[in-house]
Amino acid sequence: MIFEKLLMPDDMLPHFTALTPEYLTSRGIRFVFSDIDNTLATYDDPTPPDNVVQWCHAMTDAGITIAFVSNNDEARVSLFNKDFGYIAYADAGKPGIKKLRQAMADCGADVKNSAFLGDQLLTDAATANRAGLYCIIVPPIKDKTNAFFRFKRWLEKPYVKKWNKMHSK
């Protein structure tokens, strides 16, 4: 039961582009704290693909603030964020919430008007839920296939299945 509360997202969307300004504003969300790798881009994309750039611009044009909170290293996050100039934290230590809280403070956000977007329940959903943020999970764009990632996805499967069952009406 404790893991369910920690790992269950508030919503699961088919792709990050399904997260629209209208979706967010209808829920009172003005700040999106997002993972990068496998959420917005593959690990192989050193800079944001065009669809990420378009999505981010649509969000900011609608008054939604974007910030990046990633477990990847500073070089990766800085290069990805270079043309955006958003608040961005690397080496975030998710599911720890220290860097997320720092990003929220930097943006002037609070839990009532913020969401976290990611692709992993064990890191992103756990981070969002520990911090009290609205949690949105998308499927990984191109998952790593090493044993560690396969094991993490295996651990997540029952929670994804339960979420889908609860929301399949």
Protein backbone atom coordinates (compact mmCIF):
# COMPACT_ATOMS: atom_id res chain seq x y z
CA MET A 1 0.00 0.00 0.00
CA ILE A 2 2.84 2.40 0.81
CA PHE A 3 4.48 1.69 -2.55
CA GLU A 4 1.19 2.21 -4.34
CA LYS A 5 0.82 5.68 -2.84
CA LEU A 6 4.43 6.46 -3.76
CA LEU A 7 4.43 5.09 -7.30
CA MET A 8 0.96 5.76 -8.69
CA PRO A 9 0.74 8.77 -11.00
CA ASP A 10 -2.23 11.11 -11.16
CA ASP A 11 -2.34 10.68 -14.92
CA MET A 12 -0.67 8.67 -17.65
CA LEU A 13 -0.53 10.16 -21.13
CA PRO A 14 0.54 8.48 -24.39
CA HIS A 15 3.27 11.08 -25.12
CA PHE A 16 4.52 14.35 -23.68
CA THR A 17 2.83 16.24 -26.53
CA ALA A 18 -0.54 15.11 -25.14
CA LEU A 19 0.21 17.40 -22.21
CA THR A 20 -1.26 20.69 -23.44
CA PRO A 21 -1.61 24.14 -21.90
CA GLU A 22 -5.38 23.57 -21.77
CA TYR A 23 -4.92 20.31 -19.86
CA LEU A 24 -2.67 22.07 -17.34
CA THR A 25 -4.67 25.27 -16.87
CA SER A 26 -7.88 23.27 -16.38
CA ARG A 27 -6.14 21.74 -13.35
CA GLY A 28 -4.69 25.02 -12.07
CA ILE A 29 -1.14 24.03 -13.05
CA ARG A 30 1.23 26.82 -14.06
CA PHE A 31 4.57 25.06 -13.55
CA VAL A 32 5.85 21.83 -15.10
CA PHE A 33 8.98 20.23 -13.72
CA SER A 34 10.12 17.69 -16.27
CA ASP A 35 12.53 14.86 -16.58
CA ILE A 36 14.49 14.90 -19.86
CA ASP A 37 15.72 11.46 -20.87
CA ASN A 38 13.06 9.14 -22.27
CA THR A 39 10.40 11.67 -21.29
CA LEU A 40 11.12 14.46 -23.77
CA ALA A 41 14.00 12.98 -25.79
CA THR A 42 16.06 9.83 -26.13
CA TYR A 43 19.42 9.50 -24.44
CA ASP A 44 20.86 9.81 -27.96
CA ASP A 45 19.41 13.31 -28.53
CA PRO A 46 22.05 15.73 -27.19
CA THR A 47 19.80 18.71 -27.93
CA PRO A 48 16.00 18.97 -27.94
CA PRO A 49 14.28 17.55 -31.03
CA ASP A 50 11.97 19.91 -32.92
CA ASN A 51 8.82 18.54 -31.28
CA VAL A 52 10.27 19.31 -27.83
CA VAL A 53 11.17 22.85 -28.88
CA GLN A 54 7.66 23.40 -30.27
CA TRP A 55 6.03 21.93 -27.15
CA CYS A 56 8.15 24.03 -24.80
CA HIS A 57 7.43 27.21 -26.76
CA ALA A 58 3.69 26.45 -26.77
CA MET A 59 3.83 26.02 -23.00
CA THR A 60 5.71 29.24 -22.34
CA ASP A 61 3.50 31.14 -24.81
CA ALA A 62 0.52 29.97 -22.73
CA GLY A 63 2.12 31.16 -19.49
CA ILE A 64 3.27 27.73 -18.31
CA THR A 65 6.76 27.70 -16.80
CA ILE A 66 8.96 24.72 -17.66
CA ALA A 67 11.93 23.57 -15.58
CA PHE A 68 14.11 20.48 -15.94
CA VAL A 69 14.94 18.14 -13.06
CA SER A 70 17.12 15.29 -14.28
CA ASN A 71 19.26 12.55 -12.80
CA ASN A 72 21.63 12.92 -15.74
CA ASP A 73 24.89 14.85 -15.44
CA GLU A 74 25.47 18.58 -15.71
CA ALA A 75 26.95 18.43 -19.23
CA ARG A 76 23.88 16.62 -20.59
CA VAL A 77 21.35 18.87 -18.89
CA SER A 78 23.21 22.10 -19.75
CA LEU A 79 23.48 21.19 -23.43
CA PHE A 80 19.82 20.18 -23.61
CA ASN A 81 18.75 23.41 -21.87
CA LYS A 82 21.22 25.73 -23.64
CA ASP A 83 18.75 27.36 -26.04
CA PHE A 84 15.88 27.42 -23.54
CA GLY A 85 17.62 28.92 -20.53
CA TYR A 86 15.08 27.33 -18.16
CA ILE A 87 15.71 26.55 -14.52
CA ALA A 88 17.46 23.19 -14.74
CA TYR A 89 18.93 20.84 -12.18
CA ALA A 90 21.22 17.94 -13.05
CA ASP A 91 22.27 15.08 -10.78
CA ALA A 92 18.92 15.52 -9.05
CA GLY A 93 19.08 12.30 -7.07
CA LYS A 94 15.45 11.41 -7.79
CA PRO A 95 13.45 10.06 -6.01
CA GLY A 96 15.00 12.53 -3.60
CA ILE A 97 13.18 15.86 -3.64
CA LYS A 98 15.89 18.35 -2.63
CA LYS A 99 16.67 19.53 -6.19
CA LEU A 100 12.98 19.59 -7.11
CA ARG A 101 12.29 21.83 -4.11
CA GLN A 102 15.15 24.09 -5.19
CA ALA A 103 13.75 24.30 -8.71
CA MET A 104 10.31 25.10 -7.33
CA ALA A 105 11.71 27.86 -5.14
CA ASP A 106 13.68 29.27 -8.09
CA CYS A 107 10.48 29.39 -10.17
CA GLY A 108 8.21 30.71 -7.42
CA ALA A 109 6.06 27.57 -7.66
CA ASP A 110 4.19 25.68 -4.98
CA VAL A 111 2.69 22.20 -4.85
CA LYS A 112 -0.82 23.44 -5.66
CA ASN A 113 0.13 24.88 -9.04
CA SER A 114 2.86 22.44 -10.12
CA ALA A 115 3.14 19.13 -11.93
CA PHE A 116 5.98 16.72 -12.51
CA LEU A 117 6.37 15.02 -15.90
CA GLY A 118 8.43 11.86 -16.29
CA ASP A 119 8.64 8.35 -17.67
CA GLN A 120 9.61 6.26 -14.63
CA LEU A 121 7.49 5.39 -11.64
CA LEU A 122 10.46 4.50 -9.42
CA THR A 123 12.11 7.89 -9.87
CA ASP A 124 9.74 10.45 -11.40
CA ALA A 125 6.43 9.36 -9.86
CA ALA A 126 8.08 8.75 -6.51
CA THR A 127 9.65 12.22 -6.63
CA ALA A 128 6.38 13.91 -7.55
CA ASN A 129 4.40 12.05 -4.91
CA ARG A 130 6.97 12.63 -2.17
CA ALA A 131 6.90 16.36 -2.97
CA GLY A 132 3.09 16.51 -3.23
CA LEU A 133 3.01 17.49 -6.92
CA TYR A 134 0.52 16.39 -9.55
CA CYS A 135 2.24 13.49 -11.31
CA ILE A 136 2.08 12.81 -15.04
CA ILE A 137 3.81 9.78 -16.52
CA VAL A 138 4.43 9.05 -20.20
CA PRO A 139 5.84 5.86 -21.73
CA PRO A 140 9.59 5.91 -22.32
CA ILE A 141 10.51 7.12 -25.80
CA LYS A 142 13.36 4.63 -26.28
CA ASP A 143 14.14 2.63 -23.20
CA LYS A 144 17.58 1.37 -22.35
CA THR A 145 17.77 -2.40 -22.56
CA ASN A 146 20.37 -3.18 -19.91
CA ALA A 147 19.47 -5.45 -17.00
CA PHE A 148 19.05 -2.57 -14.54
CA PHE A 149 16.44 -0.78 -16.68
CA ARG A 150 14.63 -4.02 -17.55
CA PHE A 151 14.41 -4.80 -13.82
CA LYS A 152 13.07 -1.32 -13.00
CA ARG A 153 10.40 -1.60 -15.72
CA TRP A 154 9.46 -5.06 -14.42
CA LEU A 155 8.97 -3.59 -10.94
CA GLU A 156 6.75 -0.85 -12.40
CA LYS A 157 4.48 -3.17 -14.43
CA PRO A 158 1.99 -4.03 -11.65
CA TYR A 159 1.46 -0.34 -10.88
CA VAL A 160 0.98 0.57 -14.54
CA LYS A 161 -1.47 -2.32 -14.88
CA LYS A 162 -3.38 -1.23 -11.78
CA TRP A 163 -3.49 2.42 -12.94
CA ASN A 164 -4.81 1.32 -16.35
CA LYS A 165 -7.45 -0.88 -14.70
CA MET A 166 -8.58 1.97 -12.41
CA HIS A 167 -8.86 4.40 -15.34
CA SER A 168 -10.27 2.21 -18.11
CA LYS A 169 -13.88 3.27 -17.71
